């Protein structure tokens, strides 16, 4: 399953990139249920092996695009996010005191915290785009105007995938012009 997970997630990330144009300064939020990827009910069968596949695939994408990544935890940590300390400090994000664990935070967030580059946990962000693998509900961490995107093959393992990019708000009156 490992190759399948990486291959399908890579394809999804590149479809997202074609629409979202993530680059240096952009933030991507990843929410992933390793249980759902394995074909189980969310929160019931967390897997460090699957978490490693997700993390390393996303990190490779990050290196290629230059974007920053936030890994969302589960509801047991109020969907707090693992980010690099440098990103949190540059954006003046409030760092919170917790360490994600497989059964309290989710396998992907726990893996990102254990294997990331100087990771910290923050309570909230406003991401430019997101990938939700297994209905983890990332919407609260996207900027206000989210544009849903459809993947050609919207699955990673057994988990359905939803993704979105964001755009600036349209404001103004009837004479306002937009791009």
N, C-alpha and C. Protein backbone atom coordinates (compact mmCIF):
# COMPACT_ATOMS: atom_id res chain seq x y z
N UNK A 1 0.83 -1.20 0.00
CA UNK A 1 0.00 0.00 0.00
C UNK A 1 0.86 1.25 0.00
N UNK A 2 2.07 1.19 0.53
CA UNK A 2 2.94 2.34 0.67
C UNK A 2 3.15 3.09 -0.65
N UNK A 3 3.48 2.35 -1.70
CA UNK A 3 3.71 2.99 -3.01
C UNK A 3 2.42 3.61 -3.51
N UNK A 4 1.31 2.94 -3.31
CA UNK A 4 0.01 3.45 -3.74
C UNK A 4 -0.33 4.74 -3.02
N UNK A 5 -0.09 4.79 -1.72
CA UNK A 5 -0.37 6.01 -0.95
C UNK A 5 0.47 7.16 -1.47
N UNK A 6 1.75 6.94 -1.61
CA UNK A 6 2.63 8.02 -2.07
C UNK A 6 2.26 8.47 -3.48
N UNK A 7 2.02 7.52 -4.37
CA UNK A 7 1.70 7.85 -5.77
C UNK A 7 0.40 8.64 -5.86
N UNK A 8 -0.65 8.19 -5.17
CA UNK A 8 -1.93 8.89 -5.24
C UNK A 8 -1.84 10.27 -4.58
N UNK A 9 -1.12 10.37 -3.46
CA UNK A 9 -0.99 11.67 -2.80
C UNK A 9 -0.15 12.63 -3.65
N UNK A 10 0.90 12.15 -4.27
CA UNK A 10 1.69 13.01 -5.18
C UNK A 10 0.82 13.57 -6.30
N UNK A 11 0.00 12.71 -6.90
CA UNK A 11 -0.86 13.16 -8.00
C UNK A 11 -1.83 14.24 -7.51
N UNK A 12 -2.41 14.04 -6.34
CA UNK A 12 -3.35 15.01 -5.77
C UNK A 12 -2.64 16.33 -5.49
N UNK A 13 -1.45 16.27 -4.91
CA UNK A 13 -0.71 17.49 -4.62
C UNK A 13 -0.37 18.27 -5.88
N UNK A 14 -0.04 17.58 -6.95
CA UNK A 14 0.29 18.29 -8.19
C UNK A 14 -0.95 18.82 -8.88
N UNK A 15 -2.09 18.18 -8.72
CA UNK A 15 -3.34 18.76 -9.22
C UNK A 15 -3.66 20.03 -8.43
N UNK A 16 -3.47 19.97 -7.13
CA UNK A 16 -3.68 21.15 -6.30
C UNK A 16 -2.73 22.28 -6.73
N UNK A 17 -1.47 21.94 -6.94
CA UNK A 17 -0.48 22.94 -7.33
C UNK A 17 -0.84 23.63 -8.64
N UNK A 18 -1.40 22.90 -9.57
CA UNK A 18 -1.79 23.48 -10.86
C UNK A 18 -2.85 24.57 -10.67
N UNK A 19 -3.68 24.44 -9.65
CA UNK A 19 -4.74 25.42 -9.39
C UNK A 19 -4.34 26.47 -8.36
N UNK A 20 -3.53 26.09 -7.38
CA UNK A 20 -3.24 26.99 -6.25
C UNK A 20 -1.92 27.73 -6.38
N UNK A 21 -1.01 27.25 -7.22
CA UNK A 21 0.29 27.90 -7.43
C UNK A 21 0.98 28.23 -6.11
N UNK A 22 1.17 27.23 -5.27
CA UNK A 22 1.84 27.42 -3.99
C UNK A 22 3.32 27.70 -4.21
N UNK A 23 3.87 28.61 -3.40
CA UNK A 23 5.27 29.00 -3.55
C UNK A 23 5.78 29.48 -2.19
N UNK A 24 7.01 29.98 -2.19
CA UNK A 24 7.59 30.55 -0.97
C UNK A 24 6.61 31.56 -0.39
N UNK A 25 6.28 31.44 0.88
CA UNK A 25 5.33 32.34 1.53
C UNK A 25 3.91 31.80 1.58
N UNK A 26 3.60 30.78 0.78
CA UNK A 26 2.27 30.15 0.81
C UNK A 26 2.23 29.11 1.93
N UNK A 27 1.03 28.86 2.43
CA UNK A 27 0.85 27.85 3.47
C UNK A 27 -0.18 26.82 3.03
N UNK A 28 0.21 25.56 3.13
CA UNK A 28 -0.65 24.41 2.81
C UNK A 28 -0.99 23.70 4.11
N UNK A 29 -2.27 23.45 4.35
CA UNK A 29 -2.68 22.66 5.52
C UNK A 29 -3.01 21.25 5.06
N UNK A 30 -2.52 20.27 5.81
CA UNK A 30 -2.78 18.87 5.53
C UNK A 30 -3.53 18.27 6.71
N UNK A 31 -4.69 17.71 6.45
CA UNK A 31 -5.42 16.94 7.45
C UNK A 31 -5.52 15.54 6.90
N UNK A 32 -5.13 14.54 7.70
CA UNK A 32 -5.15 13.17 7.18
C UNK A 32 -5.48 12.18 8.29
N UNK A 33 -6.39 11.29 8.00
CA UNK A 33 -6.71 10.18 8.90
C UNK A 33 -6.04 8.93 8.36
N UNK A 34 -5.03 8.44 9.07
CA UNK A 34 -4.39 7.19 8.63
C UNK A 34 -5.35 6.02 8.76
N UNK A 35 -6.29 6.11 9.69
CA UNK A 35 -7.31 5.06 9.83
C UNK A 35 -8.15 4.97 8.55
N UNK A 36 -8.63 6.13 8.08
CA UNK A 36 -9.44 6.16 6.87
C UNK A 36 -8.63 5.69 5.66
N UNK A 37 -7.36 6.09 5.59
CA UNK A 37 -6.51 5.64 4.48
C UNK A 37 -6.44 4.11 4.46
N UNK A 38 -6.40 3.51 5.65
CA UNK A 38 -6.33 2.05 5.77
C UNK A 38 -7.69 1.38 5.60
N UNK A 39 -8.74 2.17 5.42
CA UNK A 39 -10.07 1.60 5.23
C UNK A 39 -10.84 1.38 6.51
N UNK A 40 -10.40 2.00 7.59
CA UNK A 40 -11.06 1.88 8.90
C UNK A 40 -11.76 3.19 9.24
N UNK A 41 -12.54 3.16 10.31
CA UNK A 41 -13.25 4.35 10.77
C UNK A 41 -12.25 5.35 11.35
N UNK A 42 -12.43 6.63 11.05
CA UNK A 42 -11.53 7.68 11.52
C UNK A 42 -11.30 7.55 13.03
N UNK A 43 -10.05 7.65 13.44
CA UNK A 43 -9.69 7.59 14.85
C UNK A 43 -9.58 6.20 15.45
N UNK A 44 -9.74 5.17 14.63
CA UNK A 44 -9.79 3.82 15.20
C UNK A 44 -8.54 2.98 14.96
N UNK A 45 -7.71 3.34 14.01
CA UNK A 45 -6.59 2.46 13.65
C UNK A 45 -5.40 3.28 13.14
N UNK A 46 -4.97 4.26 13.92
CA UNK A 46 -3.86 5.11 13.51
C UNK A 46 -2.62 4.30 13.18
N UNK A 47 -1.90 4.74 12.15
CA UNK A 47 -0.74 3.99 11.68
C UNK A 47 0.46 4.90 11.48
N UNK A 48 1.56 4.61 12.18
CA UNK A 48 2.79 5.38 12.00
C UNK A 48 3.38 5.15 10.62
N UNK A 49 3.22 3.95 10.08
CA UNK A 49 3.74 3.64 8.75
C UNK A 49 3.05 4.49 7.70
N UNK A 50 1.72 4.56 7.76
CA UNK A 50 0.98 5.40 6.81
C UNK A 50 1.28 6.87 7.05
N UNK A 51 1.39 7.28 8.32
CA UNK A 51 1.73 8.67 8.63
C UNK A 51 3.07 9.04 8.01
N UNK A 52 4.03 8.13 8.06
CA UNK A 52 5.35 8.39 7.47
C UNK A 52 5.23 8.59 5.96
N UNK A 53 4.42 7.77 5.31
CA UNK A 53 4.21 7.92 3.87
C UNK A 53 3.62 9.29 3.54
N UNK A 54 2.59 9.69 4.29
CA UNK A 54 1.96 11.00 4.06
C UNK A 54 2.97 12.11 4.30
N UNK A 55 3.64 12.07 5.43
CA UNK A 55 4.59 13.13 5.80
C UNK A 55 5.70 13.27 4.76
N UNK A 56 6.34 12.18 4.40
CA UNK A 56 7.48 12.26 3.48
C UNK A 56 7.05 12.70 2.07
N UNK A 57 5.86 12.30 1.66
CA UNK A 57 5.34 12.74 0.36
C UNK A 57 5.08 14.25 0.38
N UNK A 58 4.46 14.73 1.44
CA UNK A 58 4.17 16.16 1.55
C UNK A 58 5.46 16.96 1.70
N UNK A 59 6.41 16.45 2.46
CA UNK A 59 7.68 17.17 2.63
C UNK A 59 8.43 17.28 1.31
N UNK A 60 8.37 16.26 0.49
CA UNK A 60 8.99 16.31 -0.84
C UNK A 60 8.32 17.41 -1.68
N UNK A 61 7.00 17.47 -1.61
CA UNK A 61 6.25 18.51 -2.32
C UNK A 61 6.65 19.89 -1.80
N UNK A 62 6.79 20.01 -0.50
CA UNK A 62 7.18 21.29 0.10
C UNK A 62 8.55 21.73 -0.42
N UNK A 63 9.49 20.80 -0.46
CA UNK A 63 10.83 21.14 -0.95
C UNK A 63 10.79 21.61 -2.40
N UNK A 64 9.94 21.01 -3.20
CA UNK A 64 9.86 21.37 -4.61
C UNK A 64 9.17 22.71 -4.84
N UNK A 65 8.17 23.02 -4.02
CA UNK A 65 7.40 24.25 -4.24
C UNK A 65 7.89 25.43 -3.40
N UNK A 66 8.52 25.15 -2.28
CA UNK A 66 8.95 26.22 -1.37
C UNK A 66 7.88 26.68 -0.41
N UNK A 67 6.69 26.07 -0.46
CA UNK A 67 5.62 26.47 0.44
C UNK A 67 5.89 25.94 1.86
N UNK A 68 5.18 26.48 2.82
CA UNK A 68 5.22 25.96 4.19
C UNK A 68 4.03 25.02 4.36
N UNK A 69 4.14 24.12 5.35
CA UNK A 69 3.09 23.12 5.58
C UNK A 69 2.69 23.11 7.04
N UNK A 70 1.39 22.98 7.29
CA UNK A 70 0.84 22.79 8.63
C UNK A 70 0.12 21.45 8.64
N UNK A 71 0.44 20.61 9.61
CA UNK A 71 -0.19 19.30 9.75
C UNK A 71 -1.21 19.38 10.86
N UNK A 72 -2.49 19.22 10.50
CA UNK A 72 -3.57 19.35 11.46
C UNK A 72 -3.70 18.11 12.32
N UNK A 73 -3.87 18.32 13.61
CA UNK A 73 -4.17 17.23 14.54
C UNK A 73 -5.67 16.99 14.60
N UNK A 74 -6.05 16.01 15.38
CA UNK A 74 -7.47 15.64 15.48
C UNK A 74 -8.19 16.47 16.54
N UNK A 75 -9.47 16.17 16.75
CA UNK A 75 -10.29 16.95 17.68
C UNK A 75 -9.82 16.82 19.12
N UNK A 76 -9.06 15.78 19.46
CA UNK A 76 -8.58 15.62 20.83
C UNK A 76 -7.57 16.70 21.23
N UNK A 77 -7.01 17.39 20.24
CA UNK A 77 -6.14 18.54 20.51
C UNK A 77 -6.71 19.79 19.83
N UNK A 78 -8.04 19.78 19.66
CA UNK A 78 -8.77 20.91 19.07
C UNK A 78 -8.25 21.30 17.69
N UNK A 79 -7.82 20.30 16.94
CA UNK A 79 -7.32 20.46 15.58
C UNK A 79 -6.14 21.45 15.51
N UNK A 80 -5.33 21.46 16.57
CA UNK A 80 -4.11 22.26 16.57
C UNK A 80 -3.19 21.75 15.46
N UNK A 81 -2.18 22.52 15.12
CA UNK A 81 -1.37 22.23 13.93
C UNK A 81 0.12 22.21 14.24
N UNK A 82 0.82 21.30 13.58
CA UNK A 82 2.27 21.22 13.68
C UNK A 82 2.86 22.02 12.52
N UNK A 83 3.71 22.98 12.86
CA UNK A 83 4.40 23.79 11.86
C UNK A 83 5.86 23.93 12.29
N UNK A 84 6.70 24.40 11.39
CA UNK A 84 8.08 24.69 11.74
C UNK A 84 8.13 25.94 12.62
N UNK A 85 9.00 25.92 13.61
CA UNK A 85 9.15 27.06 14.52
C UNK A 85 9.42 28.36 13.74
N UNK A 86 10.27 28.27 12.74
CA UNK A 86 10.62 29.44 11.95
C UNK A 86 9.37 30.06 11.32
N UNK A 87 8.47 29.23 10.79
CA UNK A 87 7.24 29.74 10.21
C UNK A 87 6.37 30.39 11.28
N UNK A 88 6.22 29.72 12.42
CA UNK A 88 5.38 30.25 13.50
C UNK A 88 5.91 31.60 13.98
N UNK A 89 7.22 31.71 14.14
CA UNK A 89 7.78 32.96 14.63
C UNK A 89 7.69 34.07 13.58
N UNK A 90 7.93 33.73 12.32
CA UNK A 90 7.85 34.72 11.24
C UNK A 90 6.43 35.28 11.12
N UNK A 91 5.43 34.43 11.35
CA UNK A 91 4.02 34.84 11.24
C UNK A 91 3.43 35.28 12.57
N UNK A 92 4.26 35.32 13.61
CA UNK A 92 3.82 35.71 14.96
C UNK A 92 2.64 34.87 15.44
N UNK A 93 2.73 33.55 15.21
CA UNK A 93 1.69 32.64 15.66
C UNK A 93 1.95 32.25 17.11
N UNK A 94 0.90 32.11 17.88
CA UNK A 94 1.05 31.71 19.27
C UNK A 94 1.33 30.20 19.35
N UNK A 95 2.47 29.86 19.93
CA UNK A 95 2.85 28.46 20.12
C UNK A 95 2.17 27.96 21.39
N UNK A 96 1.57 26.77 21.31
CA UNK A 96 0.90 26.18 22.46
C UNK A 96 1.72 25.00 22.97
N UNK A 97 1.46 24.63 24.22
CA UNK A 97 2.22 23.56 24.87
C UNK A 97 1.47 22.24 24.79
N UNK A 98 1.83 21.43 23.81
CA UNK A 98 1.32 20.07 23.74
C UNK A 98 2.18 19.29 22.76
N UNK A 99 2.17 18.01 22.93
CA UNK A 99 2.88 17.11 22.02
C UNK A 99 1.85 16.16 21.44
N UNK A 100 1.60 16.23 20.13
CA UNK A 100 0.63 15.31 19.53
C UNK A 100 1.08 13.86 19.68
N UNK A 101 0.12 12.99 19.93
CA UNK A 101 0.36 11.55 20.02
C UNK A 101 -0.61 10.84 19.09
N UNK A 102 -0.30 9.62 18.72
CA UNK A 102 -1.14 8.88 17.78
C UNK A 102 -2.60 8.85 18.24
N UNK A 103 -2.85 8.62 19.53
CA UNK A 103 -4.23 8.51 20.03
C UNK A 103 -4.76 9.84 20.59
N UNK A 104 -3.96 10.87 20.57
CA UNK A 104 -4.41 12.19 21.02
C UNK A 104 -3.70 13.24 20.18
N UNK A 105 -4.16 13.38 18.98
CA UNK A 105 -3.56 14.33 18.05
C UNK A 105 -3.55 13.78 16.64
N UNK A 106 -3.48 12.46 16.53
CA UNK A 106 -3.48 11.83 15.22
C UNK A 106 -2.09 11.41 14.80
N UNK A 107 -2.01 10.33 14.05
CA UNK A 107 -0.73 9.75 13.65
C UNK A 107 0.09 10.69 12.78
N UNK A 108 -0.55 11.41 11.86
CA UNK A 108 0.21 12.30 10.97
C UNK A 108 0.79 13.48 11.76
N UNK A 109 -0.01 14.12 12.59
CA UNK A 109 0.49 15.24 13.40
C UNK A 109 1.60 14.76 14.34
N UNK A 110 1.41 13.60 14.94
CA UNK A 110 2.43 13.05 15.84
C UNK A 110 3.72 12.76 15.08
N UNK A 111 3.60 12.20 13.89
CA UNK A 111 4.78 11.90 13.09
C UNK A 111 5.48 13.20 12.66
N UNK A 112 4.72 14.19 12.26
CA UNK A 112 5.29 15.48 11.86
C UNK A 112 6.02 16.13 13.03
N UNK A 113 5.44 16.02 14.22
CA UNK A 113 6.07 16.61 15.40
C UNK A 113 7.38 15.89 15.74
N UNK A 114 7.38 14.59 15.59
CA UNK A 114 8.58 13.79 15.92
C UNK A 114 9.66 13.89 14.85
N UNK A 115 9.29 14.19 13.62
CA UNK A 115 10.24 14.13 12.51
C UNK A 115 10.43 15.43 11.75
N UNK A 116 9.72 16.46 12.13
CA UNK A 116 9.82 17.73 11.43
C UNK A 116 11.09 18.49 11.78
N UNK A 117 11.28 19.59 11.10
CA UNK A 117 12.44 20.45 11.32
C UNK A 117 12.07 21.51 12.37
N UNK A 118 12.46 21.30 13.60
CA UNK A 118 12.17 22.20 14.72
C UNK A 118 10.66 22.48 14.81
N UNK A 119 9.86 21.43 15.01
CA UNK A 119 8.41 21.60 15.01
C UNK A 119 7.87 22.21 16.30
N UNK A 120 6.78 22.93 16.15
CA UNK A 120 6.01 23.47 17.27
C UNK A 120 4.53 23.26 16.94
N UNK A 121 3.68 23.49 17.92
CA UNK A 121 2.24 23.37 17.71
C UNK A 121 1.61 24.74 17.90
N UNK A 122 0.72 25.09 16.98
CA UNK A 122 -0.04 26.34 17.06
C UNK A 122 -1.52 26.00 17.01
N UNK A 123 -2.31 26.92 17.51
CA UNK A 123 -3.75 26.67 17.61
C UNK A 123 -4.51 26.99 16.33
N UNK A 124 -4.07 28.00 15.60
CA UNK A 124 -4.81 28.36 14.39
C UNK A 124 -3.90 29.00 13.36
N UNK A 125 -4.34 28.89 12.12
CA UNK A 125 -3.64 29.45 10.97
C UNK A 125 -4.68 29.92 9.97
N UNK A 126 -4.22 30.50 8.88
CA UNK A 126 -5.08 30.86 7.74
C UNK A 126 -4.33 30.44 6.48
N UNK A 127 -4.55 29.22 6.07
CA UNK A 127 -3.80 28.62 4.97
C UNK A 127 -4.33 29.08 3.60
N UNK A 128 -3.43 29.00 2.62
CA UNK A 128 -3.76 29.35 1.25
C UNK A 128 -4.41 28.20 0.49
N UNK A 129 -4.17 26.99 0.95
CA UNK A 129 -4.73 25.80 0.29
C UNK A 129 -4.71 24.66 1.30
N UNK A 130 -5.46 23.61 0.99
CA UNK A 130 -5.49 22.48 1.90
C UNK A 130 -5.89 21.20 1.22
N UNK A 131 -5.44 20.10 1.82
CA UNK A 131 -5.81 18.76 1.40
C UNK A 131 -6.35 18.04 2.63
N UNK A 132 -7.57 17.55 2.51
CA UNK A 132 -8.24 16.84 3.59
C UNK A 132 -8.41 15.39 3.17
N UNK A 133 -7.68 14.51 3.82
CA UNK A 133 -7.69 13.09 3.49
C UNK A 133 -8.46 12.34 4.58
N UNK A 134 -9.66 11.92 4.25
CA UNK A 134 -10.47 11.16 5.21
C UNK A 134 -11.41 11.99 6.06
N UNK A 135 -11.85 13.12 5.56
CA UNK A 135 -12.85 13.97 6.25
C UNK A 135 -12.39 14.42 7.63
N UNK A 136 -11.22 15.04 7.70
CA UNK A 136 -10.68 15.53 8.97
C UNK A 136 -11.11 16.97 9.28
N UNK A 137 -11.80 17.61 8.35
CA UNK A 137 -12.37 18.94 8.53
C UNK A 137 -11.32 20.03 8.69
N UNK A 138 -10.61 20.34 7.62
CA UNK A 138 -9.57 21.36 7.62
C UNK A 138 -10.10 22.76 7.37
N UNK A 139 -11.36 22.89 7.01
CA UNK A 139 -11.91 24.18 6.58
C UNK A 139 -11.68 25.31 7.55
N UNK A 140 -11.65 25.02 8.84
CA UNK A 140 -11.46 26.07 9.84
C UNK A 140 -10.08 26.72 9.74
N UNK A 141 -9.15 26.08 9.02
CA UNK A 141 -7.80 26.59 8.91
C UNK A 141 -7.49 27.23 7.55
N UNK A 142 -8.50 27.37 6.71
CA UNK A 142 -8.31 28.02 5.41
C UNK A 142 -8.71 29.49 5.49
N UNK A 143 -8.15 30.31 4.62
CA UNK A 143 -8.58 31.69 4.52
C UNK A 143 -10.07 31.72 4.16
N UNK A 144 -10.76 32.84 4.40
CA UNK A 144 -12.22 32.87 4.30
C UNK A 144 -12.86 32.44 2.98
N UNK A 145 -12.24 32.71 1.84
CA UNK A 145 -12.88 32.34 0.57
C UNK A 145 -12.17 31.11 0.01
N UNK A 146 -12.71 29.95 0.33
CA UNK A 146 -12.14 28.68 -0.13
C UNK A 146 -12.83 28.24 -1.41
N UNK A 147 -12.03 27.81 -2.37
CA UNK A 147 -12.54 27.34 -3.65
C UNK A 147 -12.30 25.83 -3.72
N UNK A 148 -13.37 25.01 -3.69
CA UNK A 148 -13.17 23.57 -3.73
C UNK A 148 -12.57 23.13 -5.06
N UNK A 149 -11.70 22.15 -4.99
CA UNK A 149 -11.07 21.59 -6.18
C UNK A 149 -11.36 20.10 -6.23
N UNK A 150 -11.51 19.56 -7.41
CA UNK A 150 -11.80 18.15 -7.58
C UNK A 150 -10.58 17.46 -8.18
N UNK A 151 -10.15 16.40 -7.54
CA UNK A 151 -9.03 15.61 -8.05
C UNK A 151 -9.55 14.59 -9.06
N UNK A 152 -8.72 14.25 -10.01
CA UNK A 152 -9.09 13.23 -11.00
C UNK A 152 -9.37 11.90 -10.30
N UNK A 153 -8.52 11.52 -9.36
CA UNK A 153 -8.71 10.31 -8.56
C UNK A 153 -8.67 10.74 -7.10
N UNK A 154 -9.84 11.05 -6.52
CA UNK A 154 -9.88 11.67 -5.19
C UNK A 154 -9.79 10.69 -4.02
N UNK A 155 -8.79 9.83 -4.04
CA UNK A 155 -8.60 8.88 -2.93
C UNK A 155 -7.12 8.71 -2.64
N UNK A 156 -6.80 8.56 -1.37
CA UNK A 156 -5.48 8.11 -0.92
C UNK A 156 -5.77 6.86 -0.11
N UNK A 157 -5.29 5.74 -0.60
CA UNK A 157 -5.71 4.48 0.01
C UNK A 157 -7.21 4.36 -0.13
N UNK A 158 -7.88 4.11 0.99
CA UNK A 158 -9.34 4.01 1.00
C UNK A 158 -10.02 5.32 1.37
N UNK A 159 -9.26 6.36 1.68
CA UNK A 159 -9.82 7.62 2.16
C UNK A 159 -10.16 8.56 1.01
N UNK A 160 -11.33 9.16 1.10
CA UNK A 160 -11.70 10.18 0.12
C UNK A 160 -10.91 11.46 0.41
N UNK A 161 -10.67 12.23 -0.64
CA UNK A 161 -9.88 13.45 -0.52
C UNK A 161 -10.69 14.63 -1.02
N UNK A 162 -10.66 15.69 -0.24
CA UNK A 162 -11.22 16.98 -0.62
C UNK A 162 -10.07 17.97 -0.56
N UNK A 163 -10.02 18.87 -1.53
CA UNK A 163 -8.97 19.88 -1.48
C UNK A 163 -9.55 21.23 -1.88
N UNK A 164 -8.82 22.28 -1.51
CA UNK A 164 -9.28 23.63 -1.82
C UNK A 164 -8.08 24.55 -1.93
N UNK A 165 -8.30 25.61 -2.69
CA UNK A 165 -7.38 26.74 -2.70
C UNK A 165 -8.20 27.91 -2.19
N UNK A 166 -7.55 29.00 -1.89
CA UNK A 166 -8.29 30.18 -1.47
C UNK A 166 -8.03 31.31 -2.45
N UNK A 167 -8.85 32.32 -2.38
CA UNK A 167 -8.65 33.52 -3.19
C UNK A 167 -9.03 34.72 -2.34
N UNK A 168 -8.56 35.90 -2.72
CA UNK A 168 -8.96 37.11 -1.99
C UNK A 168 -10.47 37.33 -2.11
N UNK A 169 -11.03 37.99 -1.11
CA UNK A 169 -12.45 38.33 -1.14
C UNK A 169 -12.73 39.34 -2.25
N UNK A 170 -13.90 39.23 -2.85
CA UNK A 170 -14.37 40.27 -3.75
C UNK A 170 -15.15 41.25 -2.89
N UNK A 171 -14.73 42.51 -2.88
CA UNK A 171 -15.46 43.51 -2.13
C UNK A 171 -15.74 44.69 -3.05
N UNK A 172 -16.64 45.53 -2.65
CA UNK A 172 -16.95 46.72 -3.44
C UNK A 172 -18.38 46.72 -3.93
N UNK A 173 -18.71 47.70 -4.70
CA UNK A 173 -20.06 47.87 -5.20
C UNK A 173 -20.18 47.51 -6.66
N UNK A 174 -21.26 47.95 -7.28
CA UNK A 174 -21.57 47.57 -8.66
C UNK A 174 -20.55 48.08 -9.70
N UNK A 175 -19.79 49.13 -9.37
CA UNK A 175 -18.81 49.65 -10.34
C UNK A 175 -17.43 49.03 -10.16
N UNK A 176 -17.27 48.17 -9.16
CA UNK A 176 -15.98 47.55 -8.88
C UNK A 176 -15.59 46.60 -10.00
N UNK A 177 -14.33 46.62 -10.36
CA UNK A 177 -13.82 45.70 -11.37
C UNK A 177 -12.87 44.70 -10.71
N UNK A 178 -12.89 43.48 -11.21
CA UNK A 178 -12.03 42.43 -10.69
C UNK A 178 -11.15 41.92 -11.83
N UNK A 179 -10.12 41.18 -11.49
CA UNK A 179 -9.23 40.62 -12.51
C UNK A 179 -9.98 39.79 -13.51
